């Protein structure tokens, strides 16, 4: 991955942005858990939170995904880079699947268009945080700079 920056000067900011994204997911999931209490796990009820459709299953997914991002951010050491990138891909797949099945019975997370848009933005933010948060040695940074200058 010669194109991924190593020791980017703004990496603490990107790490904080990734942590804030995880915090949003946990908060959304926790409030959604309260709002959808008593509903079926994958029910397609009228539960909405912040203009976004949700249900008990999606709230639990949000809590788990956000907690993983927060744990990765707390640990650091390039584990946050790996977790942010893979969680970004997972959230992107969930949002695209939600968009594909939005008006069918297969919409198990009760997603709305607003939820899909928010999930896509969060996944892109997490992907950006994962790409610019990599820490490495001085030799890795020099090789990255040389590869960047060649392009």
N, C-alpha and C. Protein backbone atom coordinates (compact mmCIF):
# COMPACT_ATOMS: atom_id res chain seq x y z
N UNK A 1 0.84 -1.17 0.00
CA UNK A 1 0.00 0.00 0.00
C UNK A 1 0.89 1.24 0.00
N UNK A 2 1.57 1.46 -1.10
CA UNK A 2 2.48 2.59 -1.18
C UNK A 2 1.74 3.91 -1.26
N UNK A 3 0.46 3.89 -1.58
CA UNK A 3 -0.29 5.13 -1.73
C UNK A 3 -0.95 5.58 -0.44
N UNK A 4 -0.91 4.78 0.59
CA UNK A 4 -1.49 5.17 1.87
C UNK A 4 -0.47 5.97 2.66
N UNK A 5 -0.81 7.19 3.06
CA UNK A 5 0.16 8.01 3.79
C UNK A 5 0.54 7.39 5.13
N UNK A 6 1.79 7.52 5.48
CA UNK A 6 2.30 7.05 6.76
C UNK A 6 2.72 8.27 7.57
N UNK A 7 2.34 8.30 8.83
CA UNK A 7 2.66 9.42 9.73
C UNK A 7 2.17 10.76 9.17
N UNK A 8 0.94 10.76 8.68
CA UNK A 8 0.36 12.00 8.16
C UNK A 8 0.30 13.03 9.28
N UNK A 9 0.61 14.29 8.99
CA UNK A 9 0.62 15.30 10.06
C UNK A 9 -0.73 15.48 10.76
N UNK A 10 -1.81 15.20 10.07
CA UNK A 10 -3.14 15.38 10.67
C UNK A 10 -3.73 14.07 11.21
N UNK A 11 -2.89 13.05 11.42
CA UNK A 11 -3.43 11.76 11.86
C UNK A 11 -4.15 11.82 13.21
N UNK A 12 -3.75 12.66 14.17
CA UNK A 12 -4.56 12.73 15.40
C UNK A 12 -5.96 13.26 15.16
N UNK A 13 -6.08 14.16 14.20
CA UNK A 13 -7.42 14.69 13.87
C UNK A 13 -8.26 13.60 13.22
N UNK A 14 -7.67 12.84 12.31
CA UNK A 14 -8.40 11.76 11.66
C UNK A 14 -8.78 10.67 12.67
N UNK A 15 -7.90 10.42 13.61
CA UNK A 15 -8.21 9.43 14.65
C UNK A 15 -9.38 9.92 15.51
N UNK A 16 -9.39 11.20 15.84
CA UNK A 16 -10.50 11.77 16.62
C UNK A 16 -11.80 11.74 15.82
N UNK A 17 -11.72 12.00 14.53
CA UNK A 17 -12.92 11.95 13.69
C UNK A 17 -13.46 10.52 13.63
N UNK A 18 -12.59 9.54 13.54
CA UNK A 18 -13.02 8.15 13.58
C UNK A 18 -13.68 7.81 14.91
N UNK A 19 -13.10 8.29 16.01
CA UNK A 19 -13.69 8.06 17.32
C UNK A 19 -15.05 8.72 17.46
N UNK A 20 -15.20 9.93 16.92
CA UNK A 20 -16.50 10.60 16.97
C UNK A 20 -17.55 9.86 16.14
N UNK A 21 -17.12 9.27 15.04
CA UNK A 21 -18.05 8.46 14.24
C UNK A 21 -18.52 7.24 15.03
N UNK A 22 -17.59 6.59 15.72
CA UNK A 22 -17.96 5.46 16.56
C UNK A 22 -18.87 5.88 17.70
N UNK A 23 -18.60 7.05 18.27
CA UNK A 23 -19.44 7.57 19.35
C UNK A 23 -20.86 7.86 18.85
N UNK A 24 -20.97 8.40 17.64
CA UNK A 24 -22.29 8.64 17.06
C UNK A 24 -23.05 7.33 16.88
N UNK A 25 -22.35 6.31 16.37
CA UNK A 25 -23.02 5.02 16.17
C UNK A 25 -23.50 4.43 17.49
N UNK A 26 -22.69 4.52 18.53
CA UNK A 26 -23.09 3.99 19.84
C UNK A 26 -24.27 4.78 20.39
N UNK A 27 -24.21 6.11 20.29
CA UNK A 27 -25.31 6.94 20.81
C UNK A 27 -26.59 6.70 20.03
N UNK A 28 -26.49 6.63 18.71
CA UNK A 28 -27.68 6.36 17.90
C UNK A 28 -28.27 4.99 18.24
N UNK A 29 -27.40 4.01 18.38
CA UNK A 29 -27.88 2.67 18.72
C UNK A 29 -28.51 2.60 20.09
N UNK A 30 -27.92 3.28 21.07
CA UNK A 30 -28.48 3.26 22.42
C UNK A 30 -29.84 3.95 22.47
N UNK A 31 -29.95 5.10 21.84
CA UNK A 31 -31.24 5.79 21.83
C UNK A 31 -32.25 5.01 21.00
N UNK A 32 -31.80 4.41 19.90
CA UNK A 32 -32.69 3.56 19.09
C UNK A 32 -33.14 2.33 19.84
N UNK A 33 -32.28 1.80 20.69
CA UNK A 33 -32.64 0.65 21.52
C UNK A 33 -33.78 1.02 22.46
N UNK A 34 -33.70 2.21 23.03
CA UNK A 34 -34.76 2.69 23.92
C UNK A 34 -36.04 2.95 23.13
N UNK A 35 -35.90 3.57 21.95
CA UNK A 35 -37.07 3.93 21.15
C UNK A 35 -37.79 2.70 20.59
N UNK A 36 -37.07 1.63 20.34
CA UNK A 36 -37.70 0.45 19.73
C UNK A 36 -37.89 -0.69 20.72
N UNK A 37 -37.85 -0.41 22.00
CA UNK A 37 -38.07 -1.45 23.00
C UNK A 37 -39.50 -1.98 22.87
N UNK A 38 -39.62 -3.27 22.88
CA UNK A 38 -40.92 -3.90 22.75
C UNK A 38 -41.27 -4.30 21.33
N UNK A 39 -40.55 -3.80 20.36
CA UNK A 39 -40.77 -4.17 18.97
C UNK A 39 -40.02 -5.46 18.66
N UNK A 40 -40.42 -6.17 17.59
CA UNK A 40 -39.66 -7.36 17.19
C UNK A 40 -38.23 -6.98 16.78
N UNK A 41 -37.33 -7.95 16.82
CA UNK A 41 -35.92 -7.70 16.53
C UNK A 41 -35.73 -7.08 15.15
N UNK A 42 -36.36 -7.63 14.14
CA UNK A 42 -36.24 -7.11 12.78
C UNK A 42 -37.58 -6.60 12.28
N UNK A 43 -38.33 -5.97 13.15
CA UNK A 43 -39.65 -5.45 12.80
C UNK A 43 -39.58 -4.24 11.89
N UNK A 44 -40.63 -4.06 11.12
CA UNK A 44 -40.71 -2.91 10.21
C UNK A 44 -41.76 -1.94 10.72
N UNK A 45 -41.60 -1.49 11.94
CA UNK A 45 -42.55 -0.58 12.56
C UNK A 45 -42.32 0.86 12.17
N UNK A 46 -42.85 1.73 12.98
CA UNK A 46 -42.75 3.16 12.72
C UNK A 46 -41.65 3.83 13.53
N UNK A 47 -40.75 3.06 14.13
CA UNK A 47 -39.70 3.62 14.96
C UNK A 47 -38.75 4.46 14.12
N UNK A 48 -38.65 5.74 14.48
CA UNK A 48 -37.71 6.64 13.81
C UNK A 48 -36.94 7.41 14.87
N UNK A 49 -35.72 7.70 14.52
CA UNK A 49 -34.84 8.43 15.42
C UNK A 49 -33.99 9.38 14.60
N UNK A 50 -34.04 10.65 14.91
CA UNK A 50 -33.33 11.69 14.16
C UNK A 50 -33.70 11.66 12.69
N UNK A 51 -34.95 11.34 12.38
CA UNK A 51 -35.41 11.27 11.01
C UNK A 51 -34.98 10.03 10.27
N UNK A 52 -34.38 9.08 10.97
CA UNK A 52 -33.89 7.86 10.36
C UNK A 52 -34.69 6.66 10.87
N UNK A 53 -34.99 5.75 9.97
CA UNK A 53 -35.68 4.54 10.36
C UNK A 53 -34.75 3.62 11.13
N UNK A 54 -35.30 2.95 12.12
CA UNK A 54 -34.50 2.03 12.92
C UNK A 54 -35.40 0.95 13.49
N UNK A 55 -34.81 -0.08 13.99
CA UNK A 55 -35.49 -1.11 14.77
C UNK A 55 -34.49 -1.69 15.75
N UNK A 56 -34.92 -2.67 16.50
CA UNK A 56 -34.06 -3.24 17.53
C UNK A 56 -32.79 -3.86 16.94
N UNK A 57 -32.91 -4.54 15.82
CA UNK A 57 -31.75 -5.17 15.19
C UNK A 57 -30.74 -4.16 14.71
N UNK A 58 -31.22 -3.08 14.07
CA UNK A 58 -30.29 -2.06 13.59
C UNK A 58 -29.66 -1.30 14.75
N UNK A 59 -30.40 -1.11 15.83
CA UNK A 59 -29.84 -0.45 17.00
C UNK A 59 -28.71 -1.28 17.60
N UNK A 60 -28.90 -2.59 17.68
CA UNK A 60 -27.85 -3.47 18.18
C UNK A 60 -26.64 -3.48 17.24
N UNK A 61 -26.89 -3.49 15.94
CA UNK A 61 -25.80 -3.43 14.96
C UNK A 61 -25.02 -2.14 15.13
N UNK A 62 -25.71 -1.03 15.32
CA UNK A 62 -25.04 0.27 15.49
C UNK A 62 -24.19 0.30 16.75
N UNK A 63 -24.72 -0.28 17.83
CA UNK A 63 -23.95 -0.30 19.08
C UNK A 63 -22.69 -1.14 18.93
N UNK A 64 -22.80 -2.30 18.32
CA UNK A 64 -21.63 -3.17 18.15
C UNK A 64 -20.61 -2.53 17.21
N UNK A 65 -21.07 -1.98 16.09
CA UNK A 65 -20.15 -1.35 15.15
C UNK A 65 -19.46 -0.15 15.78
N UNK A 66 -20.22 0.69 16.47
CA UNK A 66 -19.63 1.85 17.12
C UNK A 66 -18.67 1.48 18.23
N UNK A 67 -19.01 0.43 18.99
CA UNK A 67 -18.12 -0.02 20.07
C UNK A 67 -16.80 -0.54 19.50
N UNK A 68 -16.86 -1.27 18.39
CA UNK A 68 -15.63 -1.75 17.76
C UNK A 68 -14.75 -0.59 17.29
N UNK A 69 -15.38 0.43 16.72
CA UNK A 69 -14.61 1.60 16.28
C UNK A 69 -13.99 2.31 17.48
N UNK A 70 -14.75 2.45 18.56
CA UNK A 70 -14.23 3.12 19.75
C UNK A 70 -13.09 2.32 20.39
N UNK A 71 -13.21 1.01 20.42
CA UNK A 71 -12.13 0.17 20.97
C UNK A 71 -10.88 0.31 20.11
N UNK A 72 -11.04 0.28 18.80
CA UNK A 72 -9.90 0.46 17.92
C UNK A 72 -9.26 1.82 18.08
N UNK A 73 -10.07 2.85 18.25
CA UNK A 73 -9.53 4.20 18.46
C UNK A 73 -8.78 4.29 19.78
N UNK A 74 -9.30 3.63 20.81
CA UNK A 74 -8.64 3.67 22.12
C UNK A 74 -7.31 2.92 22.09
N UNK A 75 -7.25 1.80 21.39
CA UNK A 75 -6.03 1.00 21.34
C UNK A 75 -4.99 1.64 20.43
N UNK A 76 -5.40 2.11 19.26
CA UNK A 76 -4.46 2.73 18.32
C UNK A 76 -3.54 1.71 17.70
N UNK A 77 -2.28 2.04 17.55
CA UNK A 77 -1.23 1.16 17.02
C UNK A 77 -1.60 0.51 15.69
N UNK A 78 -2.19 1.24 14.81
CA UNK A 78 -2.64 0.81 13.49
C UNK A 78 -3.78 -0.20 13.55
N UNK A 79 -4.20 -0.62 14.74
CA UNK A 79 -5.40 -1.45 14.85
C UNK A 79 -6.62 -0.61 14.52
N UNK A 80 -6.58 0.67 14.88
CA UNK A 80 -7.69 1.56 14.54
C UNK A 80 -7.81 1.74 13.03
N UNK A 81 -6.70 1.74 12.33
CA UNK A 81 -6.72 1.86 10.87
C UNK A 81 -7.43 0.65 10.28
N UNK A 82 -7.06 -0.52 10.73
CA UNK A 82 -7.66 -1.76 10.24
C UNK A 82 -9.16 -1.82 10.57
N UNK A 83 -9.51 -1.52 11.80
CA UNK A 83 -10.92 -1.57 12.21
C UNK A 83 -11.74 -0.52 11.47
N UNK A 84 -11.21 0.70 11.35
CA UNK A 84 -11.95 1.75 10.65
C UNK A 84 -12.21 1.39 9.20
N UNK A 85 -11.21 0.83 8.53
CA UNK A 85 -11.39 0.47 7.13
C UNK A 85 -12.40 -0.67 6.97
N UNK A 86 -12.29 -1.71 7.77
CA UNK A 86 -13.21 -2.84 7.63
C UNK A 86 -14.62 -2.49 8.08
N UNK A 87 -14.75 -1.67 9.13
CA UNK A 87 -16.09 -1.24 9.54
C UNK A 87 -16.71 -0.32 8.49
N UNK A 88 -15.88 0.49 7.82
CA UNK A 88 -16.38 1.34 6.74
C UNK A 88 -16.94 0.48 5.61
N UNK A 89 -16.21 -0.58 5.25
CA UNK A 89 -16.69 -1.47 4.20
C UNK A 89 -17.98 -2.17 4.62
N UNK A 90 -18.04 -2.64 5.86
CA UNK A 90 -19.24 -3.32 6.34
C UNK A 90 -20.44 -2.39 6.37
N UNK A 91 -20.25 -1.18 6.87
CA UNK A 91 -21.37 -0.23 6.94
C UNK A 91 -21.80 0.16 5.53
N UNK A 92 -20.85 0.26 4.62
CA UNK A 92 -21.20 0.58 3.23
C UNK A 92 -22.03 -0.53 2.60
N UNK A 93 -21.67 -1.77 2.86
CA UNK A 93 -22.44 -2.90 2.33
C UNK A 93 -23.84 -2.92 2.94
N UNK A 94 -23.95 -2.68 4.24
CA UNK A 94 -25.27 -2.66 4.89
C UNK A 94 -26.12 -1.54 4.32
N UNK A 95 -25.53 -0.37 4.10
CA UNK A 95 -26.33 0.74 3.59
C UNK A 95 -26.75 0.50 2.14
N UNK A 96 -25.88 -0.06 1.32
CA UNK A 96 -26.26 -0.36 -0.06
C UNK A 96 -27.30 -1.46 -0.13
N UNK A 97 -27.18 -2.46 0.74
CA UNK A 97 -28.21 -3.50 0.79
C UNK A 97 -29.54 -2.92 1.27
N UNK A 98 -29.46 -2.02 2.25
CA UNK A 98 -30.67 -1.36 2.72
C UNK A 98 -31.33 -0.54 1.63
N UNK A 99 -30.53 0.11 0.80
CA UNK A 99 -31.07 0.89 -0.30
C UNK A 99 -31.71 -0.02 -1.35
N UNK A 100 -31.09 -1.15 -1.60
CA UNK A 100 -31.62 -2.08 -2.59
C UNK A 100 -32.95 -2.69 -2.14
N UNK A 101 -33.11 -2.90 -0.82
CA UNK A 101 -34.31 -3.57 -0.31
C UNK A 101 -35.23 -2.64 0.46
N UNK A 102 -35.14 -1.35 0.22
CA UNK A 102 -35.81 -0.38 1.08
C UNK A 102 -37.33 -0.52 1.09
N UNK A 103 -37.94 -0.92 0.00
CA UNK A 103 -39.40 -1.03 -0.05
C UNK A 103 -39.87 -2.47 -0.16
N UNK A 104 -39.07 -3.37 0.37
CA UNK A 104 -39.44 -4.78 0.33
C UNK A 104 -39.47 -5.33 1.76
N UNK A 105 -39.91 -6.56 1.86
CA UNK A 105 -39.91 -7.23 3.16
C UNK A 105 -38.51 -7.62 3.60
N UNK A 106 -37.54 -7.55 2.70
CA UNK A 106 -36.16 -7.89 3.03
C UNK A 106 -35.44 -6.76 3.76
N UNK A 107 -36.10 -5.65 3.98
CA UNK A 107 -35.52 -4.52 4.71
C UNK A 107 -35.56 -4.84 6.20
N UNK A 108 -34.67 -5.72 6.63
CA UNK A 108 -34.72 -6.22 8.01
C UNK A 108 -34.30 -5.18 9.04
N UNK A 109 -33.53 -4.16 8.62
CA UNK A 109 -33.10 -3.12 9.55
C UNK A 109 -34.01 -1.90 9.54
N UNK A 110 -35.12 -1.96 8.79
CA UNK A 110 -36.09 -0.87 8.72
C UNK A 110 -35.41 0.44 8.33
N UNK A 111 -34.53 0.38 7.34
CA UNK A 111 -33.79 1.56 6.92
C UNK A 111 -34.65 2.45 6.04
N UNK A 112 -34.43 3.75 6.17
CA UNK A 112 -35.06 4.73 5.29
C UNK A 112 -33.96 5.33 4.41
N UNK A 113 -34.36 6.17 3.48
CA UNK A 113 -33.37 6.81 2.61
C UNK A 113 -32.43 7.68 3.45
N UNK A 114 -32.97 8.37 4.44
CA UNK A 114 -32.14 9.20 5.31
C UNK A 114 -31.11 8.35 6.05
N UNK A 115 -31.51 7.18 6.50
CA UNK A 115 -30.58 6.29 7.19
C UNK A 115 -29.47 5.83 6.26
N UNK A 116 -29.83 5.52 5.02
CA UNK A 116 -28.85 5.08 4.04
C UNK A 116 -27.84 6.19 3.77
N UNK A 117 -28.32 7.42 3.64
CA UNK A 117 -27.41 8.55 3.38
C UNK A 117 -26.46 8.74 4.55
N UNK A 118 -26.99 8.70 5.77
CA UNK A 118 -26.13 8.87 6.96
C UNK A 118 -25.12 7.74 7.05
N UNK A 119 -25.53 6.52 6.78
CA UNK A 119 -24.60 5.39 6.83
C UNK A 119 -23.50 5.51 5.78
N UNK A 120 -23.85 5.97 4.58
CA UNK A 120 -22.84 6.13 3.55
C UNK A 120 -21.83 7.22 3.94
N UNK A 121 -22.32 8.32 4.50
CA UNK A 121 -21.41 9.38 4.94
C UNK A 121 -20.50 8.87 6.06
N UNK A 122 -21.08 8.14 7.02
CA UNK A 122 -20.27 7.59 8.11
C UNK A 122 -19.23 6.61 7.58
N UNK A 123 -19.60 5.79 6.62
CA UNK A 123 -18.64 4.83 6.09
C UNK A 123 -17.51 5.54 5.36
N UNK A 124 -17.82 6.59 4.63
CA UNK A 124 -16.75 7.34 3.95
C UNK A 124 -15.86 8.07 4.95
N UNK A 125 -16.44 8.58 6.02
CA UNK A 125 -15.64 9.23 7.06
C UNK A 125 -14.72 8.22 7.73
N UNK A 126 -15.24 7.05 8.04
CA UNK A 126 -14.41 6.01 8.65
C UNK A 126 -13.32 5.53 7.70
N UNK A 127 -13.64 5.43 6.43
CA UNK A 127 -12.63 5.03 5.45
C UNK A 127 -11.52 6.07 5.36
N UNK A 128 -11.91 7.35 5.37
CA UNK A 128 -10.91 8.42 5.35
C UNK A 128 -10.05 8.37 6.60
N UNK A 129 -10.67 8.17 7.75
CA UNK A 129 -9.91 8.09 9.01
C UNK A 129 -8.96 6.90 8.98
N UNK A 130 -9.40 5.81 8.39
CA UNK A 130 -8.53 4.64 8.30
C UNK A 130 -7.38 4.83 7.34
N UNK A 131 -7.60 5.59 6.29
CA UNK A 131 -6.55 5.76 5.29
C UNK A 131 -5.48 6.76 5.72
N UNK A 132 -5.86 7.74 6.54
CA UNK A 132 -4.90 8.77 6.91
C UNK A 132 -4.38 8.63 8.33
N UNK A 133 -4.76 7.58 9.03
CA UNK A 133 -4.33 7.44 10.41
C UNK A 133 -3.19 6.47 10.63
N UNK A 134 -2.57 6.00 9.57
CA UNK A 134 -1.52 4.98 9.68
C UNK A 134 -0.25 5.56 10.29
N UNK A 135 0.31 4.83 11.24
CA UNK A 135 1.55 5.21 11.91
C UNK A 135 2.63 4.22 11.50
N UNK A 136 3.82 4.71 11.24
CA UNK A 136 4.90 3.83 10.85
C UNK A 136 6.25 4.41 11.22
N UNK A 137 7.29 3.72 10.81
CA UNK A 137 8.65 4.16 11.09
C UNK A 137 9.04 5.27 10.12
N UNK A 138 10.17 5.88 10.38
CA UNK A 138 10.67 6.92 9.49
C UNK A 138 11.01 6.37 8.11
N UNK A 139 11.49 5.13 8.05
CA UNK A 139 11.81 4.51 6.77
C UNK A 139 10.54 4.31 5.94
N UNK A 140 9.45 3.89 6.59
CA UNK A 140 8.19 3.72 5.87
C UNK A 140 7.67 5.06 5.36
N UNK A 141 7.83 6.10 6.16
CA UNK A 141 7.40 7.43 5.72
C UNK A 141 8.22 7.90 4.52
N UNK A 142 9.52 7.68 4.57
CA UNK A 142 10.36 8.08 3.45
C UNK A 142 10.02 7.32 2.18
N UNK A 143 9.76 6.02 2.30
CA UNK A 143 9.40 5.25 1.11
C UNK A 143 8.04 5.69 0.57
N UNK A 144 7.12 6.06 1.47
CA UNK A 144 5.82 6.57 1.01
C UNK A 144 6.00 7.89 0.27
N UNK A 145 6.84 8.79 0.81
CA UNK A 145 7.07 10.08 0.15
C UNK A 145 7.74 9.91 -1.20
N UNK A 146 8.68 8.98 -1.31
CA UNK A 146 9.33 8.73 -2.59
C UNK A 146 8.33 8.18 -3.60
N UNK A 147 7.46 7.26 -3.17
CA UNK A 147 6.44 6.71 -4.07
C UNK A 147 5.45 7.79 -4.48
N UNK A 148 5.13 8.69 -3.58
CA UNK A 148 4.18 9.76 -3.87
C UNK A 148 4.77 10.73 -4.89
N UNK A 149 6.06 11.04 -4.74
CA UNK A 149 6.70 12.00 -5.64
C UNK A 149 6.90 11.43 -7.04
N UNK A 150 7.02 10.10 -7.14
CA UNK A 150 7.19 9.47 -8.44
C UNK A 150 5.90 9.58 -9.25
N UNK A 151 4.78 9.48 -8.58
CA UNK A 151 3.50 9.53 -9.28
C UNK A 151 3.29 10.92 -9.80
